[in-house]
Amino acid sequence: MASGALDELARRFRDTSLPKEEWTHAAHLRVGAWHVDRHGAEEALRILRDGIPRLNDSHGTPNTETSGYHETITVAYVRLIASYLEAVREPASLEDRVECLLAGPLGERAVLLSYWSQETLMSPRARLEWVPPDRAPLALPAGGTASGGRRTSPPRDV
C-alpha cells in the first residue's frame, strides 16, 4: 500500500465515504491496524465499535444479530492486531507492517476458526457481545509475525 494510502483509507472509514465494495476483509484489518497504531487498542476498539456500524448503515447493511457489526470478531482482531504491532517493529512503516500482517496468518479470513468453533463464532450472541474462544486461547498464530516482520518480543496470549 502506498505511503499515505492507509491514512486516506482510515479517513474514508471515519467519514463513511468508503464504498461498500471497498470494505473488504483486508480493509477491515488495515483500518483496525491504523486505529490501534494511532490510538492504542482500547480506544481503537471504542472507535471501531462506533464506526463499523455507522459505515454499515451508510451502505444499507443492517446491524442485527445476524448481519453487520460483529463484536467478538472486532474485539478479537483488535487484540491480535495490537499484539502483532507490539511484536513486529520492522519494517518501520505502519503501511509495510500492515502488508506483512495481511500476507501472514492474520490476513487469512478463517484464522479466528483456530480459536472459535464456527457455531460459536457465528452465533447471534457472539455478534452482539464478546464471547471467549471455545477452541484455543487467543494468541498470535504460529508464524504470525512472518512475511518479513521481525519479532522483538516473545509470543504471548492476547
Protein backbone atom coordinates (compact mmCIF):
# COMPACT_ATOMS: atom_id res chain seq x y z
CA MET A 1 0.00 0.00 0.00
CA ALA A 2 1.42 3.37 -0.98
CA SER A 3 2.55 5.80 1.69
CA GLY A 4 -0.42 7.86 2.85
CA ALA A 5 -2.94 5.40 1.42
CA LEU A 6 -3.57 3.91 4.88
CA ASP A 7 -4.27 7.39 6.28
CA GLU A 8 -6.67 8.01 3.42
CA LEU A 9 -8.43 4.67 3.97
CA ALA A 10 -8.87 5.48 7.67
CA ARG A 11 -10.23 8.94 6.81
CA ARG A 12 -12.76 7.47 4.38
CA PHE A 13 -13.79 4.92 7.03
CA ARG A 14 -14.29 7.65 9.64
CA ASP A 15 -16.29 9.93 7.36
CA THR A 16 -18.27 6.97 5.93
CA SER A 17 -17.25 7.76 2.35
CA LEU A 18 -15.63 4.33 1.87
CA PRO A 19 -17.75 2.46 -0.71
CA LYS A 20 -19.24 -0.90 0.28
CA GLU A 21 -17.25 -2.75 -2.40
CA GLU A 22 -14.01 -1.46 -0.84
CA TRP A 23 -15.00 -2.50 2.69
CA THR A 24 -13.26 -5.86 2.38
CA HIS A 25 -11.66 -8.15 4.96
CA ALA A 26 -8.28 -6.56 4.18
CA ALA A 27 -9.77 -3.06 4.56
CA HIS A 28 -11.20 -4.04 7.97
CA LEU A 29 -7.72 -5.16 9.10
CA ARG A 30 -5.99 -2.11 7.64
CA VAL A 31 -8.46 0.27 9.33
CA GLY A 32 -8.15 -1.68 12.59
CA ALA A 33 -4.36 -1.55 12.48
CA TRP A 34 -4.36 2.18 11.73
CA HIS A 35 -6.60 2.87 14.72
CA VAL A 36 -4.63 0.58 17.06
CA ASP A 37 -1.38 2.25 15.99
CA ARG A 38 -2.73 5.78 16.42
CA HIS A 39 -4.93 5.33 19.50
CA GLY A 40 -3.96 2.12 21.29
CA ALA A 41 -6.14 -1.00 21.47
CA GLU A 42 -8.71 0.22 23.99
CA GLU A 43 -9.51 3.50 22.24
CA ALA A 44 -9.31 1.84 18.82
CA LEU A 45 -11.95 -0.66 19.94
CA ARG A 46 -14.22 2.16 21.11
CA ILE A 47 -13.80 3.96 17.77
CA LEU A 48 -14.39 0.79 15.73
CA ARG A 49 -17.46 -0.17 17.78
CA ASP A 50 -18.96 3.14 16.72
CA GLY A 51 -17.50 3.42 13.23
CA ILE A 52 -18.21 -0.01 11.76
CA PRO A 53 -21.97 0.14 12.40
CA ARG A 54 -22.05 3.74 11.08
CA LEU A 55 -20.27 2.66 7.89
CA ASN A 56 -22.60 -0.33 7.57
CA ASP A 57 -25.59 2.00 7.96
CA SER A 58 -24.22 4.22 5.20
CA HIS A 59 -24.05 1.13 2.95
CA GLY A 60 -27.57 0.00 3.84
CA THR A 61 -26.20 -3.04 5.69
CA PRO A 62 -28.36 -3.78 8.75
CA ASN A 63 -26.57 -4.24 12.07
CA THR A 64 -28.56 -7.08 13.61
CA GLU A 65 -27.92 -10.34 15.43
CA THR A 66 -27.34 -11.98 12.02
CA SER A 67 -25.61 -9.31 9.93
CA GLY A 68 -23.40 -6.25 10.10
CA TYR A 69 -21.21 -5.41 13.08
CA HIS A 70 -19.76 -8.42 14.97
CA GLU A 71 -18.49 -7.70 18.49
CA THR A 72 -16.47 -10.89 19.05
CA ILE A 73 -14.69 -10.65 15.69
CA THR A 74 -13.92 -6.96 16.22
CA VAL A 75 -12.54 -7.46 19.74
CA ALA A 76 -10.50 -10.49 18.64
CA TYR A 77 -8.90 -8.69 15.71
CA VAL A 78 -8.14 -5.56 17.74
CA ARG A 79 -6.37 -7.73 20.33
CA LEU A 80 -4.49 -9.73 17.69
CA ILE A 81 -3.52 -6.62 15.72
CA ALA A 82 -2.31 -4.89 18.90
CA SER A 83 -0.17 -7.91 19.77
CA TYR A 84 1.19 -8.07 16.23
CA LEU A 85 2.09 -4.38 16.11
CA GLU A 86 3.73 -4.66 19.53
CA ALA A 87 5.75 -7.72 18.47
CA VAL A 88 6.73 -6.52 15.00
CA ARG A 89 8.76 -3.32 14.88
CA GLU A 90 10.33 -3.78 11.44
CA PRO A 91 9.67 -2.85 8.76
CA ALA A 92 9.36 0.54 10.38
CA SER A 93 6.42 1.99 8.45
CA LEU A 94 2.93 1.07 9.54
CA GLU A 95 1.93 0.52 5.91
CA ASP A 96 4.68 -2.09 5.47
CA ARG A 97 3.87 -3.82 8.78
CA VAL A 98 0.19 -4.00 7.82
CA GLU A 99 1.10 -5.53 4.46
CA CYS A 100 3.18 -8.15 6.32
CA LEU A 101 0.24 -8.80 8.65
CA LEU A 102 -2.07 -9.30 5.67
CA ALA A 103 0.41 -11.68 3.99
CA GLY A 104 0.64 -13.83 7.13
CA PRO A 105 -1.82 -15.99 9.07
CA LEU A 106 -3.72 -12.99 10.48
CA GLY A 107 -4.66 -11.98 6.95
CA GLU A 108 -6.49 -15.25 6.36
CA ARG A 109 -10.26 -14.91 6.70
CA ALA A 110 -10.57 -18.20 8.58
CA VAL A 111 -7.87 -17.51 11.21
CA LEU A 112 -10.40 -16.96 14.00
CA LEU A 113 -11.71 -20.51 13.48
CA SER A 114 -8.46 -21.64 15.11
CA TYR A 115 -9.83 -20.14 18.34
CA TRP A 116 -13.62 -20.48 17.98
CA SER A 117 -15.87 -23.13 16.54
CA GLN A 118 -17.91 -21.92 13.57
CA GLU A 119 -21.08 -22.43 15.60
CA THR A 120 -19.89 -20.26 18.49
CA LEU A 121 -18.28 -17.52 16.38
CA MET A 122 -21.29 -17.16 14.08
CA SER A 123 -23.85 -17.25 16.89
CA PRO A 124 -26.12 -14.24 17.47
CA ARG A 125 -24.64 -13.93 20.97
CA ALA A 126 -21.06 -13.63 19.59
CA ARG A 127 -22.21 -10.97 17.15
CA LEU A 128 -23.81 -8.90 19.92
CA GLU A 129 -21.29 -9.37 22.76
CA TRP A 130 -17.78 -10.67 23.45
CA VAL A 131 -17.72 -14.47 23.64
CA PRO A 132 -14.39 -16.01 24.70
CA PRO A 133 -12.76 -18.57 22.41
CA ASP A 134 -14.02 -22.14 22.77
CA ARG A 135 -11.15 -23.90 20.95
CA ALA A 136 -7.87 -22.25 21.97
CA PRO A 137 -6.68 -19.16 23.83
CA LEU A 138 -6.45 -16.07 21.65
CA ALA A 139 -2.77 -15.58 20.74
CA LEU A 140 -0.74 -14.70 17.69
CA PRO A 141 -0.74 -17.80 15.45
CA ALA A 142 2.47 -19.67 14.77
CA GLY A 143 4.25 -17.73 12.06
CA GLY A 144 2.05 -14.75 12.93
CA THR A 145 4.96 -12.38 12.53
CA ALA A 146 6.33 -13.99 9.38
CA SER A 147 6.44 -12.41 5.94
CA GLY A 148 9.25 -10.01 6.71
CA GLY A 149 8.27 -8.69 10.11
CA ARG A 150 10.86 -9.17 12.84
CA ARG A 151 9.58 -10.10 16.27
CA THR A 152 11.11 -8.04 19.06
CA SER A 153 9.34 -9.79 21.92
CA PRO A 154 8.22 -13.39 22.61
CA PRO A 155 4.74 -14.57 21.58
CA ARG A 156 2.05 -14.12 24.20
CA ASP A 157 -1.62 -14.71 24.76
CA VAL A 158 -3.74 -11.67 23.93
